[in-house]
Amino acid sequence: MTTPCLPDRAYGPTPAASTQVAVTTAVQTLTLPAANGGNMRLVNNGTAAIAWCYGPAANLSMTNGVVMLPNTVEIFDRNQNAAQLSVIGSAAGSTLIAHIGNGI
């Protein structure tokens, strides 16, 4: 029996953890759970576009970050075990959820 839709590296470590933050129009820092590198699945759950970048960045804006549209999911490299993300929203109304690890 075959199993369809296995995630990348499905037999590697399972995702280490998840974390989330309610996004506002002010820059916020999201501390990522400890994990051994791998992938970062980001979910923008809500009604507003958001922008994010690796590490703390007080100057983050909607024009200089990685933009995610409302209600989207994307997978990124963890960027050599980055410990934090900075995030800002075009308006309030979204939650950024981060799932960390291989096999997501």
C-alpha atoms as a PDB file:
ATOM      1  CA  MET A   1       0.000   0.000   0.000  1.00  0.00           C
ATOM      2  CA  THR A   2       1.356   3.430  -0.922  1.00  0.00           C
ATOM      3  CA  THR A   3       0.781   6.618   0.996  1.00  0.00           C
ATOM      4  CA  PRO A   4       0.099   9.651  -1.209  1.00  0.00           C
ATOM      5  CA  CYS A   5       1.253  13.169  -0.390  1.00  0.00           C
ATOM      6  CA  LEU A   6       4.153  12.376   1.908  1.00  0.00           C
ATOM      7  CA  PRO A   7       5.964  15.538   3.009  1.00  0.00           C
ATOM      8  CA  ASP A   8       9.543  16.170   1.993  1.00  0.00           C
ATOM      9  CA  ARG A   9      11.897  13.948   3.997  1.00  0.00           C
ATOM     10  CA  ALA A  10       8.908  12.223   5.550  1.00  0.00           C
ATOM     11  CA  TYR A  11      11.066   9.747   7.399  1.00  0.00           C
ATOM     12  CA  GLY A  12      13.240  12.412   9.032  1.00  0.00           C
ATOM     13  CA  PRO A  13      12.528  14.175  12.304  1.00  0.00           C
ATOM     14  CA  THR A  14       8.986  15.407  12.797  1.00  0.00           C
ATOM     15  CA  PRO A  15       8.363  19.143  13.170  1.00  0.00           C
ATOM     16  CA  ALA A  16       9.854  20.288  16.457  1.00  0.00           C
ATOM     17  CA  ALA A  17       7.226  22.781  17.514  1.00  0.00           C
ATOM     18  CA  SER A  18       4.839  25.541  16.589  1.00  0.00           C
ATOM     19  CA  THR A  19       4.504  29.112  17.750  1.00  0.00           C
ATOM     20  CA  GLN A  20       2.298  32.051  16.797  1.00  0.00           C
ATOM     21  CA  VAL A  21       1.755  35.774  17.237  1.00  0.00           C
ATOM     22  CA  ALA A  22      -1.179  38.102  16.574  1.00  0.00           C
ATOM     23  CA  VAL A  23       0.085  40.551  13.935  1.00  0.00           C
ATOM     24  CA  THR A  24      -0.494  44.301  14.240  1.00  0.00           C
ATOM     25  CA  THR A  25       0.737  47.376  12.372  1.00  0.00           C
ATOM     26  CA  ALA A  26       3.725  47.625  14.741  1.00  0.00           C
ATOM     27  CA  VAL A  27       6.833  45.466  14.295  1.00  0.00           C
ATOM     28  CA  GLN A  28       6.814  42.438  16.562  1.00  0.00           C
ATOM     29  CA  THR A  29       9.377  39.713  17.177  1.00  0.00           C
ATOM     30  CA  LEU A  30       8.400  36.046  17.088  1.00  0.00           C
ATOM     31  CA  THR A  31      10.844  33.706  18.846  1.00  0.00           C
ATOM     32  CA  LEU A  32      11.077  30.416  16.978  1.00  0.00           C
ATOM     33  CA  PRO A  33      11.194  27.072  18.785  1.00  0.00           C
ATOM     34  CA  ALA A  34      14.521  25.276  18.944  1.00  0.00           C
ATOM     35  CA  ALA A  35      15.027  22.878  16.023  1.00  0.00           C
ATOM     36  CA  ASN A  36      17.877  21.377  14.083  1.00  0.00           C
ATOM     37  CA  GLY A  37      17.587  23.499  10.965  1.00  0.00           C
ATOM     38  CA  GLY A  38      15.189  22.318   8.323  1.00  0.00           C
ATOM     39  CA  ASN A  39      12.103  24.027   7.072  1.00  0.00           C
ATOM     40  CA  MET A  40       9.808  26.710   8.385  1.00  0.00           C
ATOM     41  CA  ARG A  41       6.132  26.510   7.394  1.00  0.00           C
ATOM     42  CA  LEU A  42       4.541  29.936   7.832  1.00  0.00           C
ATOM     43  CA  VAL A  43       0.772  30.392   7.911  1.00  0.00           C
ATOM     44  CA  ASN A  44      -0.802  33.847   7.606  1.00  0.00           C
ATOM     45  CA  ASN A  45      -4.187  33.076   9.110  1.00  0.00           C
ATOM     46  CA  GLY A  46      -6.395  36.141   8.834  1.00  0.00           C
ATOM     47  CA  THR A  47      -7.586  39.087   6.833  1.00  0.00           C
ATOM     48  CA  ALA A  48      -4.484  41.273   6.412  1.00  0.00           C
ATOM     49  CA  ALA A  49      -1.291  40.946   4.396  1.00  0.00           C
ATOM     50  CA  ILE A  50       1.876  40.662   6.477  1.00  0.00           C
ATOM     51  CA  ALA A  51       5.602  41.142   5.905  1.00  0.00           C
ATOM     52  CA  TRP A  52       8.362  39.320   7.775  1.00  0.00           C
ATOM     53  CA  CYS A  53      12.145  39.011   7.883  1.00  0.00           C
ATOM     54  CA  TYR A  54      14.737  36.952   9.742  1.00  0.00           C
ATOM     55  CA  GLY A  55      15.937  38.304  13.102  1.00  0.00           C
ATOM     56  CA  PRO A  56      14.960  41.440  14.995  1.00  0.00           C
ATOM     57  CA  ALA A  57      14.377  44.391  12.641  1.00  0.00           C
ATOM     58  CA  ALA A  58      12.855  47.581  14.016  1.00  0.00           C
ATOM     59  CA  ASN A  59      12.818  49.111  10.502  1.00  0.00           C
ATOM     60  CA  LEU A  60      10.709  46.340   8.925  1.00  0.00           C
ATOM     61  CA  SER A  61       7.837  47.615   6.764  1.00  0.00           C
ATOM     62  CA  MET A  62       5.394  46.242   4.226  1.00  0.00           C
ATOM     63  CA  THR A  63       7.781  47.332   1.449  1.00  0.00           C
ATOM     64  CA  ASN A  64      11.059  45.798   2.634  1.00  0.00           C
ATOM     65  CA  GLY A  65       9.998  42.414   4.074  1.00  0.00           C
ATOM     66  CA  VAL A  66       8.825  39.098   2.641  1.00  0.00           C
ATOM     67  CA  VAL A  67       5.120  39.711   1.975  1.00  0.00           C
ATOM     68  CA  MET A  68       2.495  37.032   2.539  1.00  0.00           C
ATOM     69  CA  LEU A  69      -1.093  37.536   1.431  1.00  0.00           C
ATOM     70  CA  PRO A  70      -3.991  36.821   3.803  1.00  0.00           C
ATOM     71  CA  ASN A  71      -4.843  33.149   4.376  1.00  0.00           C
ATOM     72  CA  THR A  72      -1.737  31.763   2.696  1.00  0.00           C
ATOM     73  CA  VAL A  73       0.791  29.072   3.628  1.00  0.00           C
ATOM     74  CA  GLU A  74       4.413  29.038   2.463  1.00  0.00           C
ATOM     75  CA  ILE A  75       7.484  26.953   3.295  1.00  0.00           C
ATOM     76  CA  PHE A  76      10.892  28.593   3.699  1.00  0.00           C
ATOM     77  CA  ASP A  77      14.356  27.483   4.731  1.00  0.00           C
ATOM     78  CA  ARG A  78      15.043  28.232   8.390  1.00  0.00           C
ATOM     79  CA  ASN A  79      18.098  30.305   7.358  1.00  0.00           C
ATOM     80  CA  GLN A  80      20.853  28.583   9.345  1.00  0.00           C
ATOM     81  CA  ASN A  81      18.743  28.095  12.436  1.00  0.00           C
ATOM     82  CA  ALA A  82      17.418  31.640  12.772  1.00  0.00           C
ATOM     83  CA  ALA A  83      16.051  32.132  16.284  1.00  0.00           C
ATOM     84  CA  GLN A  84      13.604  34.973  15.579  1.00  0.00           C
ATOM     85  CA  LEU A  85      11.402  36.543  12.940  1.00  0.00           C
ATOM     86  CA  SER A  86      10.183  40.117  12.818  1.00  0.00           C
ATOM     87  CA  VAL A  87       6.671  40.630  11.479  1.00  0.00           C
ATOM     88  CA  ILE A  88       4.361  43.542  10.676  1.00  0.00           C
ATOM     89  CA  GLY A  89       0.854  43.715   9.207  1.00  0.00           C
ATOM     90  CA  SER A  90      -0.819  46.043   6.737  1.00  0.00           C
ATOM     91  CA  ALA A  91      -3.660  46.081   9.299  1.00  0.00           C
ATOM     92  CA  ALA A  92      -4.627  44.129  12.388  1.00  0.00           C
ATOM     93  CA  GLY A  93      -6.522  40.890  11.851  1.00  0.00           C
ATOM     94  CA  SER A  94      -3.965  38.172  11.098  1.00  0.00           C
ATOM     95  CA  THR A  95      -2.058  35.581  13.100  1.00  0.00           C
ATOM     96  CA  LEU A  96       1.346  34.355  11.943  1.00  0.00           C
ATOM     97  CA  ILE A  97       1.863  30.682  12.802  1.00  0.00           C
ATOM     98  CA  ALA A  98       5.305  29.085  12.409  1.00  0.00           C
ATOM     99  CA  HIS A  99       5.862  25.314  12.266  1.00  0.00           C
ATOM    100  CA  ILE A 100       9.519  24.351  12.470  1.00  0.00           C
ATOM    101  CA  GLY A 101      11.398  21.208  11.429  1.00  0.00           C
ATOM    102  CA  ASN A 102      11.995  18.678   8.677  1.00  0.00           C
ATOM    103  CA  GLY A 103       9.164  16.559   7.350  1.00  0.00           C
ATOM    104  CA  ILE A 104       6.527  19.293   7.301  1.00  0.00           C
END
